[in-house]
Amino acid sequence: MNDDQPHFRLNPGAYGRSLEPSTDPCDACRRPCVWKYAGSLYSTKDPTICARCIADGSVAKLLKGERFSFHDIEIDDAAPALEIELLQRTPGVSCFNPFEWPVLDTKPLAFIGYGEDEVILTDRAAQDAIKAAFEELEWEYEPGTPTPYALVFREIDGDRYRAVIDLD
């Protein structure tokens, strides 16, 4: 991948979701965005930001020490450096409500898609995770059924999955 399209290991599918093609200038680096952040930024400011500046941490410099996040989530038991990577250097995930981001062994899991995405519908482990998450709510779920309410996560360096049910 080139410098204009950095990889986000905690949200590898951000391009086309929360990052969109754009020639608008980035407020942090002043260069054309190439990939502009189109998601929510939880901050008192609303700058135009490119994928490069999210990945390299330049957004924090632009916001001059202000507390900010690209996510409206709770995160518990994550290693501090990984928590910062998720909150301030990873494009946000579109959701209906704040939710608890899954963490295993102090590592946040990577968001891999929604329960209505074709790749999720055909992934047996992802379907099992969705079913387990619905069962925790004491709701029925038929694997393979599209649902916009499931957010699916997988370990960065492993095969464990978790799903979060985000009802509107």
N, C-alpha and C. Protein backbone atom coordinates (compact mmCIF):
# COMPACT_ATOMS: atom_id res chain seq x y z
N MET A 1 0.84 -1.18 0.00
CA MET A 1 0.00 0.00 0.00
C MET A 1 0.88 1.24 0.00
N ASN A 2 0.41 2.31 -0.61
CA ASN A 2 1.22 3.52 -0.67
C ASN A 2 0.97 4.41 0.55
N ASP A 3 1.75 5.48 0.67
CA ASP A 3 1.65 6.39 1.81
C ASP A 3 0.29 7.07 1.89
N ASP A 4 -0.36 7.27 0.74
CA ASP A 4 -1.67 7.93 0.73
C ASP A 4 -2.79 7.03 1.25
N GLN A 5 -2.52 5.73 1.34
CA GLN A 5 -3.53 4.77 1.79
C GLN A 5 -2.91 3.85 2.84
N PRO A 6 -2.65 4.39 4.05
CA PRO A 6 -2.05 3.56 5.09
C PRO A 6 -3.00 2.46 5.55
N HIS A 7 -2.43 1.40 6.09
CA HIS A 7 -3.22 0.28 6.62
C HIS A 7 -3.62 0.58 8.06
N PHE A 8 -4.86 0.32 8.39
CA PHE A 8 -5.36 0.47 9.75
C PHE A 8 -5.69 -0.92 10.27
N ARG A 9 -4.82 -1.47 11.09
CA ARG A 9 -5.00 -2.86 11.50
C ARG A 9 -6.22 -3.09 12.38
N LEU A 10 -6.72 -2.05 13.07
CA LEU A 10 -7.91 -2.22 13.88
C LEU A 10 -9.20 -1.89 13.14
N ASN A 11 -9.07 -1.42 11.92
CA ASN A 11 -10.22 -1.18 11.04
C ASN A 11 -9.73 -1.30 9.59
N PRO A 12 -9.35 -2.51 9.17
CA PRO A 12 -8.77 -2.67 7.84
C PRO A 12 -9.71 -2.37 6.68
N GLY A 13 -11.00 -2.34 6.90
CA GLY A 13 -11.96 -2.05 5.84
C GLY A 13 -12.45 -0.61 5.83
N ALA A 14 -11.67 0.31 6.42
CA ALA A 14 -12.11 1.71 6.53
C ALA A 14 -12.28 2.41 5.19
N TYR A 15 -11.51 2.01 4.19
CA TYR A 15 -11.60 2.65 2.88
C TYR A 15 -12.93 2.30 2.22
N GLY A 16 -13.66 3.35 1.84
CA GLY A 16 -14.98 3.15 1.26
C GLY A 16 -16.08 3.15 2.31
N ARG A 17 -15.69 3.11 3.57
CA ARG A 17 -16.67 3.22 4.66
C ARG A 17 -16.51 4.58 5.34
N SER A 18 -15.48 4.73 6.15
CA SER A 18 -15.27 6.01 6.84
C SER A 18 -14.22 6.87 6.17
N LEU A 19 -13.58 6.35 5.15
CA LEU A 19 -12.62 7.13 4.35
C LEU A 19 -13.10 7.13 2.91
N GLU A 20 -13.19 8.33 2.32
CA GLU A 20 -13.69 8.44 0.95
C GLU A 20 -12.69 9.22 0.10
N PRO A 21 -12.66 8.94 -1.20
CA PRO A 21 -11.74 9.67 -2.08
C PRO A 21 -12.06 11.17 -2.06
N SER A 22 -11.00 11.99 -2.04
CA SER A 22 -11.20 13.44 -2.02
C SER A 22 -9.92 14.16 -2.38
N THR A 23 -10.08 15.30 -3.02
CA THR A 23 -8.94 16.17 -3.28
C THR A 23 -8.94 17.38 -2.34
N ASP A 24 -9.87 17.42 -1.39
CA ASP A 24 -9.90 18.51 -0.41
C ASP A 24 -8.58 18.56 0.35
N PRO A 25 -8.12 19.74 0.71
CA PRO A 25 -6.88 19.82 1.48
C PRO A 25 -7.10 19.37 2.93
N CYS A 26 -6.15 18.66 3.45
CA CYS A 26 -6.17 18.21 4.84
C CYS A 26 -5.73 19.37 5.74
N ASP A 27 -6.46 19.61 6.81
CA ASP A 27 -6.11 20.70 7.71
C ASP A 27 -4.84 20.42 8.51
N ALA A 28 -4.44 19.16 8.62
CA ALA A 28 -3.23 18.83 9.38
C ALA A 28 -1.96 18.95 8.53
N CYS A 29 -1.98 18.36 7.34
CA CYS A 29 -0.75 18.34 6.52
C CYS A 29 -0.80 19.30 5.33
N ARG A 30 -1.98 19.87 5.05
CA ARG A 30 -2.17 20.84 3.97
C ARG A 30 -2.07 20.24 2.57
N ARG A 31 -1.90 18.93 2.46
CA ARG A 31 -1.85 18.27 1.15
C ARG A 31 -3.25 17.81 0.77
N PRO A 32 -3.49 17.52 -0.51
CA PRO A 32 -4.79 16.93 -0.88
C PRO A 32 -4.99 15.62 -0.10
N CYS A 33 -6.19 15.43 0.39
CA CYS A 33 -6.45 14.27 1.25
C CYS A 33 -6.17 12.93 0.55
N VAL A 34 -6.55 12.77 -0.67
CA VAL A 34 -6.59 11.50 -1.38
C VAL A 34 -7.68 10.64 -0.74
N TRP A 35 -7.54 10.33 0.55
CA TRP A 35 -8.57 9.62 1.32
C TRP A 35 -8.94 10.50 2.51
N LYS A 36 -10.15 11.07 2.47
CA LYS A 36 -10.63 11.99 3.51
C LYS A 36 -11.50 11.24 4.51
N TYR A 37 -11.32 11.57 5.77
CA TYR A 37 -12.13 10.96 6.82
C TYR A 37 -13.54 11.52 6.77
N ALA A 38 -14.54 10.65 6.64
CA ALA A 38 -15.93 11.05 6.52
C ALA A 38 -16.76 10.63 7.73
N GLY A 39 -16.12 10.06 8.73
CA GLY A 39 -16.82 9.63 9.92
C GLY A 39 -16.88 10.72 10.97
N SER A 40 -17.32 10.34 12.16
CA SER A 40 -17.41 11.29 13.27
C SER A 40 -16.07 11.46 13.94
N LEU A 41 -15.80 12.68 14.35
CA LEU A 41 -14.65 12.99 15.18
C LEU A 41 -15.21 13.59 16.45
N TYR A 42 -14.98 12.93 17.57
CA TYR A 42 -15.49 13.41 18.84
C TYR A 42 -14.49 14.40 19.41
N SER A 43 -14.76 15.69 19.10
CA SER A 43 -13.85 16.78 19.40
C SER A 43 -14.66 18.07 19.38
N THR A 44 -14.08 19.15 19.88
CA THR A 44 -14.75 20.46 19.79
C THR A 44 -14.53 21.08 18.42
N LYS A 45 -13.62 20.51 17.64
CA LYS A 45 -13.32 21.02 16.30
C LYS A 45 -13.78 20.02 15.25
N ASP A 46 -13.93 20.48 14.02
CA ASP A 46 -14.38 19.63 12.93
C ASP A 46 -13.47 19.81 11.71
N PRO A 47 -12.20 19.39 11.82
CA PRO A 47 -11.27 19.60 10.72
C PRO A 47 -11.46 18.57 9.60
N THR A 48 -10.96 18.92 8.43
CA THR A 48 -10.84 17.97 7.32
C THR A 48 -9.54 17.22 7.55
N ILE A 49 -9.62 15.89 7.57
CA ILE A 49 -8.46 15.07 7.93
C ILE A 49 -8.26 13.96 6.90
N CYS A 50 -7.01 13.72 6.55
CA CYS A 50 -6.70 12.64 5.60
C CYS A 50 -6.28 11.36 6.35
N ALA A 51 -6.32 10.26 5.62
CA ALA A 51 -5.93 8.96 6.19
C ALA A 51 -4.48 8.99 6.69
N ARG A 52 -3.60 9.66 5.96
CA ARG A 52 -2.19 9.74 6.36
C ARG A 52 -2.05 10.33 7.76
N CYS A 53 -2.77 11.43 8.00
CA CYS A 53 -2.65 12.12 9.29
C CYS A 53 -3.32 11.38 10.43
N ILE A 54 -4.32 10.58 10.13
CA ILE A 54 -4.89 9.70 11.15
C ILE A 54 -3.84 8.66 11.52
N ALA A 55 -3.28 8.01 10.53
CA ALA A 55 -2.33 6.92 10.77
C ALA A 55 -1.06 7.37 11.48
N ASP A 56 -0.53 8.53 11.12
CA ASP A 56 0.75 8.94 11.72
C ASP A 56 0.61 9.76 12.99
N GLY A 57 -0.62 10.00 13.44
CA GLY A 57 -0.83 10.72 14.69
C GLY A 57 -0.84 12.23 14.56
N SER A 58 -0.79 12.76 13.36
CA SER A 58 -0.77 14.21 13.17
C SER A 58 -2.05 14.91 13.63
N VAL A 59 -3.14 14.16 13.74
CA VAL A 59 -4.39 14.76 14.20
C VAL A 59 -4.22 15.30 15.61
N ALA A 60 -3.50 14.59 16.46
CA ALA A 60 -3.27 15.07 17.84
C ALA A 60 -2.52 16.40 17.83
N LYS A 61 -1.56 16.55 16.94
CA LYS A 61 -0.82 17.82 16.83
C LYS A 61 -1.75 18.93 16.36
N LEU A 62 -2.60 18.63 15.39
CA LEU A 62 -3.55 19.62 14.89
C LEU A 62 -4.49 20.09 16.00
N LEU A 63 -4.93 19.17 16.83
CA LEU A 63 -5.89 19.49 17.90
C LEU A 63 -5.20 19.98 19.17
N LYS A 64 -3.89 20.09 19.15
CA LYS A 64 -3.08 20.69 20.22
C LYS A 64 -3.44 20.20 21.62
N GLY A 65 -3.36 18.91 21.82
CA GLY A 65 -3.57 18.34 23.14
C GLY A 65 -5.01 18.17 23.57
N GLU A 66 -5.95 18.57 22.73
CA GLU A 66 -7.36 18.38 23.07
C GLU A 66 -7.68 16.89 23.13
N ARG A 67 -8.52 16.51 24.06
CA ARG A 67 -8.98 15.12 24.10
C ARG A 67 -9.93 14.90 22.94
N PHE A 68 -9.70 13.85 22.19
CA PHE A 68 -10.56 13.55 21.04
C PHE A 68 -10.54 12.05 20.81
N SER A 69 -11.48 11.60 19.98
CA SER A 69 -11.54 10.20 19.61
C SER A 69 -12.28 10.08 18.28
N PHE A 70 -11.95 9.03 17.54
CA PHE A 70 -12.68 8.71 16.32
C PHE A 70 -13.82 7.72 16.61
N HIS A 71 -13.98 7.33 17.88
CA HIS A 71 -14.96 6.32 18.25
C HIS A 71 -15.79 6.78 19.45
N ASP A 72 -17.06 6.41 19.45
CA ASP A 72 -17.94 6.62 20.59
C ASP A 72 -18.13 5.25 21.24
N ILE A 73 -17.11 4.85 21.99
CA ILE A 73 -17.08 3.49 22.55
C ILE A 73 -16.59 3.51 23.98
N GLU A 74 -16.75 2.37 24.63
CA GLU A 74 -16.08 2.06 25.89
C GLU A 74 -15.02 1.03 25.53
N ILE A 75 -13.88 1.11 26.17
CA ILE A 75 -12.85 0.09 25.97
C ILE A 75 -12.21 -0.19 27.32
N ASP A 76 -12.22 -1.44 27.71
CA ASP A 76 -11.67 -1.86 29.00
C ASP A 76 -10.58 -2.89 28.79
N ASP A 77 -9.59 -2.85 29.66
CA ASP A 77 -8.53 -3.86 29.73
C ASP A 77 -7.59 -3.88 28.54
N ALA A 78 -7.56 -2.83 27.73
CA ALA A 78 -6.62 -2.77 26.61
C ALA A 78 -5.30 -2.16 27.09
N ALA A 79 -4.21 -2.62 26.51
CA ALA A 79 -2.91 -2.02 26.77
C ALA A 79 -3.01 -0.54 26.38
N PRO A 80 -2.44 0.37 27.19
CA PRO A 80 -2.59 1.81 26.92
C PRO A 80 -2.18 2.23 25.50
N ALA A 81 -1.09 1.74 24.98
CA ALA A 81 -0.67 2.13 23.64
C ALA A 81 -1.67 1.67 22.58
N LEU A 82 -2.25 0.49 22.77
CA LEU A 82 -3.24 -0.01 21.81
C LEU A 82 -4.56 0.75 21.93
N GLU A 83 -4.89 1.18 23.14
CA GLU A 83 -6.09 2.00 23.33
C GLU A 83 -5.94 3.33 22.58
N ILE A 84 -4.79 3.96 22.69
CA ILE A 84 -4.53 5.22 21.96
C ILE A 84 -4.58 4.97 20.45
N GLU A 85 -3.98 3.87 20.00
CA GLU A 85 -4.02 3.54 18.57
C GLU A 85 -5.46 3.44 18.08
N LEU A 86 -6.30 2.77 18.84
CA LEU A 86 -7.69 2.61 18.45
C LEU A 86 -8.44 3.94 18.48
N LEU A 87 -8.36 4.65 19.57
CA LEU A 87 -9.15 5.86 19.75
C LEU A 87 -8.70 7.04 18.89
N GLN A 88 -7.38 7.17 18.68
CA GLN A 88 -6.88 8.38 18.04
C GLN A 88 -6.11 8.16 16.74
N ARG A 89 -5.92 6.89 16.35
CA ARG A 89 -5.18 6.64 15.10
C ARG A 89 -5.84 5.58 14.23
N THR A 90 -7.14 5.37 14.47
CA THR A 90 -7.91 4.40 13.70
C THR A 90 -9.24 5.03 13.30
N PRO A 91 -9.59 5.04 12.01
CA PRO A 91 -10.88 5.61 11.59
C PRO A 91 -12.04 4.94 12.31
N GLY A 92 -13.05 5.74 12.61
CA GLY A 92 -14.20 5.27 13.36
C GLY A 92 -15.07 4.28 12.62
N VAL A 93 -15.87 3.59 13.39
CA VAL A 93 -16.82 2.60 12.90
C VAL A 93 -18.22 3.20 13.06
N SER A 94 -19.01 3.15 12.02
CA SER A 94 -20.37 3.66 12.08
C SER A 94 -21.23 2.73 12.93
N CYS A 95 -21.96 3.33 13.88
CA CYS A 95 -22.81 2.53 14.77
C CYS A 95 -24.03 3.34 15.18
N PHE A 96 -25.01 2.67 15.74
CA PHE A 96 -26.22 3.34 16.20
C PHE A 96 -26.00 3.95 17.58
N ASN A 97 -25.27 3.24 18.45
CA ASN A 97 -25.08 3.64 19.84
C ASN A 97 -23.64 3.40 20.27
N PRO A 98 -23.23 4.03 21.36
CA PRO A 98 -21.93 3.67 21.93
C PRO A 98 -21.94 2.18 22.29
N PHE A 99 -20.80 1.52 22.17
CA PHE A 99 -20.73 0.10 22.51
C PHE A 99 -19.37 -0.18 23.13
N GLU A 100 -19.23 -1.37 23.68
CA GLU A 100 -17.96 -1.77 24.26
C GLU A 100 -17.15 -2.51 23.20
N TRP A 101 -15.99 -1.96 22.86
CA TRP A 101 -15.10 -2.55 21.85
C TRP A 101 -14.49 -3.81 22.45
N PRO A 102 -14.57 -4.94 21.76
CA PRO A 102 -14.01 -6.18 22.31
C PRO A 102 -12.48 -6.15 22.44
N VAL A 103 -12.01 -6.68 23.57
CA VAL A 103 -10.59 -6.76 23.88
C VAL A 103 -10.32 -8.17 24.38
N LEU A 104 -9.27 -8.80 23.86
CA LEU A 104 -8.82 -10.11 24.34
C LEU A 104 -7.33 -10.02 24.64
N ASP A 105 -6.94 -10.47 25.81
CA ASP A 105 -5.52 -10.49 26.19
C ASP A 105 -4.88 -9.11 26.02
N THR A 106 -5.54 -8.07 26.46
CA THR A 106 -5.14 -6.65 26.42
C THR A 106 -5.06 -6.06 25.01
N LYS A 107 -5.52 -6.78 24.00
CA LYS A 107 -5.46 -6.29 22.62
C LYS A 107 -6.87 -6.06 22.08
N PRO A 108 -7.15 -4.84 21.61
CA PRO A 108 -8.44 -4.62 20.95
C PRO A 108 -8.52 -5.49 19.69
N LEU A 109 -9.70 -6.00 19.41
CA LEU A 109 -9.90 -6.78 18.20
C LEU A 109 -10.09 -5.84 17.01
N ALA A 110 -9.86 -6.33 15.82
CA ALA A 110 -10.02 -5.54 14.60
C ALA A 110 -11.47 -5.63 14.13
N PHE A 111 -12.05 -4.49 13.79
CA PHE A 111 -13.39 -4.47 13.21
C PHE A 111 -13.28 -4.99 11.78
N ILE A 112 -14.04 -6.04 11.46
CA ILE A 112 -13.94 -6.61 10.11
C ILE A 112 -15.21 -6.46 9.28
N GLY A 113 -16.31 -6.00 9.89
CA GLY A 113 -17.50 -5.77 9.10
C GLY A 113 -18.79 -5.85 9.87
N TYR A 114 -19.86 -5.62 9.12
CA TYR A 114 -21.21 -5.63 9.66
C TYR A 114 -21.89 -6.94 9.30
N GLY A 115 -22.89 -7.29 10.06
CA GLY A 115 -23.61 -8.54 9.87
C GLY A 115 -24.38 -8.66 8.57
N GLU A 116 -24.38 -7.62 7.78
CA GLU A 116 -25.05 -7.68 6.47
C GLU A 116 -24.04 -7.72 5.33
N ASP A 117 -22.75 -7.65 5.64
CA ASP A 117 -21.70 -7.70 4.61
C ASP A 117 -21.57 -9.13 4.06
N GLU A 118 -21.43 -9.24 2.76
CA GLU A 118 -21.32 -10.57 2.12
C GLU A 118 -20.19 -11.40 2.71
N VAL A 119 -19.04 -10.78 2.95
CA VAL A 119 -17.90 -11.52 3.49
C VAL A 119 -18.21 -12.06 4.90
N ILE A 120 -18.99 -11.33 5.66
CA ILE A 120 -19.39 -11.78 7.01
C ILE A 120 -20.44 -12.88 6.91
N LEU A 121 -21.36 -12.75 5.97
CA LEU A 121 -22.43 -13.74 5.82
C LEU A 121 -21.89 -15.12 5.43
N THR A 122 -20.72 -15.15 4.79
CA THR A 122 -20.15 -16.43 4.34
C THR A 122 -19.01 -16.92 5.23
N ASP A 123 -18.74 -16.21 6.31
CA ASP A 123 -17.65 -16.58 7.24
C ASP A 123 -18.27 -17.30 8.44
N ARG A 124 -18.03 -18.59 8.54
CA ARG A 124 -18.66 -19.41 9.58
C ARG A 124 -18.32 -18.92 10.98
N ALA A 125 -17.07 -18.57 11.22
CA ALA A 125 -16.67 -18.10 12.55
C ALA A 125 -17.35 -16.77 12.89
N ALA A 126 -17.49 -15.90 11.90
CA ALA A 126 -18.18 -14.62 12.12
C ALA A 126 -19.65 -14.87 12.44
N GLN A 127 -20.27 -15.80 11.72
CA GLN A 127 -21.67 -16.13 11.98
C GLN A 127 -21.86 -16.73 13.38
N ASP A 128 -20.92 -17.56 13.80
CA ASP A 128 -20.99 -18.12 15.16
C ASP A 128 -20.88 -17.01 16.21
N ALA A 129 -20.03 -16.02 15.96
CA ALA A 129 -19.88 -14.90 16.89
C ALA A 129 -21.16 -14.07 16.96
N ILE A 130 -21.79 -13.85 15.81
CA ILE A 130 -23.04 -13.10 15.79
C ILE A 130 -24.11 -13.86 16.56
N LYS A 131 -24.19 -15.15 16.30
CA LYS A 131 -25.19 -15.97 17.00
C LYS A 131 -24.98 -15.92 18.51
N ALA A 132 -23.74 -16.03 18.96
CA ALA A 132 -23.42 -15.98 20.39
C ALA A 132 -23.81 -14.62 20.99
N ALA A 133 -23.56 -13.55 20.26
CA ALA A 133 -23.89 -12.22 20.76
C ALA A 133 -25.41 -12.04 20.88
N PHE A 134 -26.16 -12.55 19.91
CA PHE A 134 -27.61 -12.49 20.01
C PHE A 134 -28.12 -13.36 21.16
N GLU A 135 -27.50 -14.52 21.36
CA GLU A 135 -27.91 -15.40 22.46
C GLU A 135 -27.71 -14.73 23.81
N GLU A 136 -26.66 -13.92 23.96
CA GLU A 136 -26.45 -13.17 25.21
C GLU A 136 -27.63 -12.24 25.50
N LEU A 137 -28.27 -11.76 24.44
CA LEU A 137 -29.45 -10.89 24.58
C LEU A 137 -30.74 -11.70 24.69
N GLU A 138 -30.59 -13.03 24.60
CA GLU A 138 -31.71 -13.97 24.60
C GLU A 138 -32.62 -13.75 23.38
N TRP A 139 -31.97 -13.47 22.24
CA TRP A 139 -32.66 -13.32 20.97
C TRP A 139 -32.25 -14.44 20.05
N GLU A 140 -33.13 -14.78 19.14
CA GLU A 140 -32.83 -15.80 18.13
C GLU A 140 -32.07 -15.16 16.97
N TYR A 141 -31.17 -15.93 16.38
CA TYR A 141 -30.48 -15.50 15.16
C TYR A 141 -30.22 -16.74 14.33
N GLU A 142 -30.62 -16.68 13.07
CA GLU A 142 -30.37 -17.76 12.13
C GLU A 142 -29.10 -17.42 11.35
N PRO A 143 -28.01 -18.19 11.53
CA PRO A 143 -26.78 -17.89 10.80
C PRO A 143 -27.02 -17.75 9.29
N GLY A 144 -26.34 -16.76 8.72
CA GLY A 144 -26.48 -16.48 7.30
C GLY A 144 -27.54 -15.42 7.00
N THR A 145 -28.24 -14.96 8.04
CA THR A 145 -29.26 -13.93 7.86
C THR A 145 -28.61 -12.55 7.99
N PRO A 146 -28.77 -11.69 7.00
CA PRO A 146 -28.19 -10.35 7.09
C PRO A 146 -28.79 -9.56 8.25
N THR A 147 -27.95 -8.87 9.00
CA THR A 147 -28.40 -8.00 10.08
C THR A 147 -27.50 -6.78 10.18
N PRO A 148 -28.08 -5.59 10.09
CA PRO A 148 -27.27 -4.37 10.22
C PRO A 148 -26.84 -4.11 11.66
N TYR A 149 -27.37 -4.89 12.60
CA TYR A 149 -27.13 -4.64 14.02
C TYR A 149 -25.87 -5.31 14.56
N ALA A 150 -25.27 -6.19 13.80
CA ALA A 150 -24.08 -6.90 14.27
C ALA A 150 -22.81 -6.22 13.76
N LEU A 151 -21.89 -5.96 14.66
CA LEU A 151 -20.56 -5.48 14.33
C LEU A 151 -19.62 -6.64 14.66
N VAL A 152 -18.80 -7.04 13.71
CA VAL A 152 -17.99 -8.25 13.88
C VAL A 152 -16.51 -7.88 13.97
N PHE A 153 -15.84 -8.52 14.92
CA PHE A 153 -14.43 -8.26 15.22
C PHE A 153 -13.65 -9.57 15.23
N ARG A 154 -12.36 -9.48 14.88
CA ARG A 154 -11.47 -10.65 14.89
C ARG A 154 -10.13 -10.22 15.49
N GLU A 155 -9.50 -11.15 16.14
CA GLU A 155 -8.16 -10.88 16.67
C GLU A 155 -7.24 -10.41 15.56
N ILE A 156 -6.34 -9.52 15.89
CA ILE A 156 -5.38 -9.02 14.91
C ILE A 156 -4.48 -10.16 14.43
N ASP A 157 -3.99 -10.95 15.37
CA ASP A 157 -3.07 -12.04 15.05
C ASP A 157 -3.62 -13.38 15.51
N GLY A 158 -4.89 -13.61 15.25
CA GLY A 158 -5.49 -14.86 15.72
C GLY A 158 -6.79 -15.14 15.02
N ASP A 159 -7.48 -16.15 15.52
CA ASP A 159 -8.71 -16.61 14.88
C ASP A 159 -9.94 -16.49 15.76
N ARG A 160 -9.82 -15.78 16.88
CA ARG A 160 -11.00 -15.62 17.74
C ARG A 160 -11.81 -14.42 17.26
N TYR A 161 -13.11 -14.62 17.24
CA TYR A 161 -14.06 -13.60 16.79
C TYR A 161 -14.96 -13.19 17.95
N ARG A 162 -15.46 -11.98 17.87
CA ARG A 162 -16.50 -11.50 18.77
C ARG A 162 -17.44 -10.63 17.93
N ALA A 163 -18.69 -10.57 18.36
CA ALA A 163 -19.64 -9.67 17.71
C ALA A 163 -20.30 -8.83 18.80
N VAL A 164 -20.67 -7.65 18.42
CA VAL A 164 -21.40 -6.73 19.28
C VAL A 164 -22.72 -6.45 18.58
N ILE A 165 -23.80 -6.52 19.32
CA ILE A 165 -25.11 -6.20 18.76
C ILE A 165 -25.43 -4.75 19.13
N ASP A 166 -25.64 -3.95 18.11
CA ASP A 166 -25.84 -2.50 18.24
C ASP A 166 -27.22 -2.15 17.71
N LEU A 167 -28.21 -2.21 18.59
CA LEU A 167 -29.60 -1.98 18.18
C LEU A 167 -29.88 -0.49 18.08
N ASP A 168 -30.70 -0.11 17.09
CA ASP A 168 -31.03 1.32 16.96
C ASP A 168 -32.26 1.67 17.79
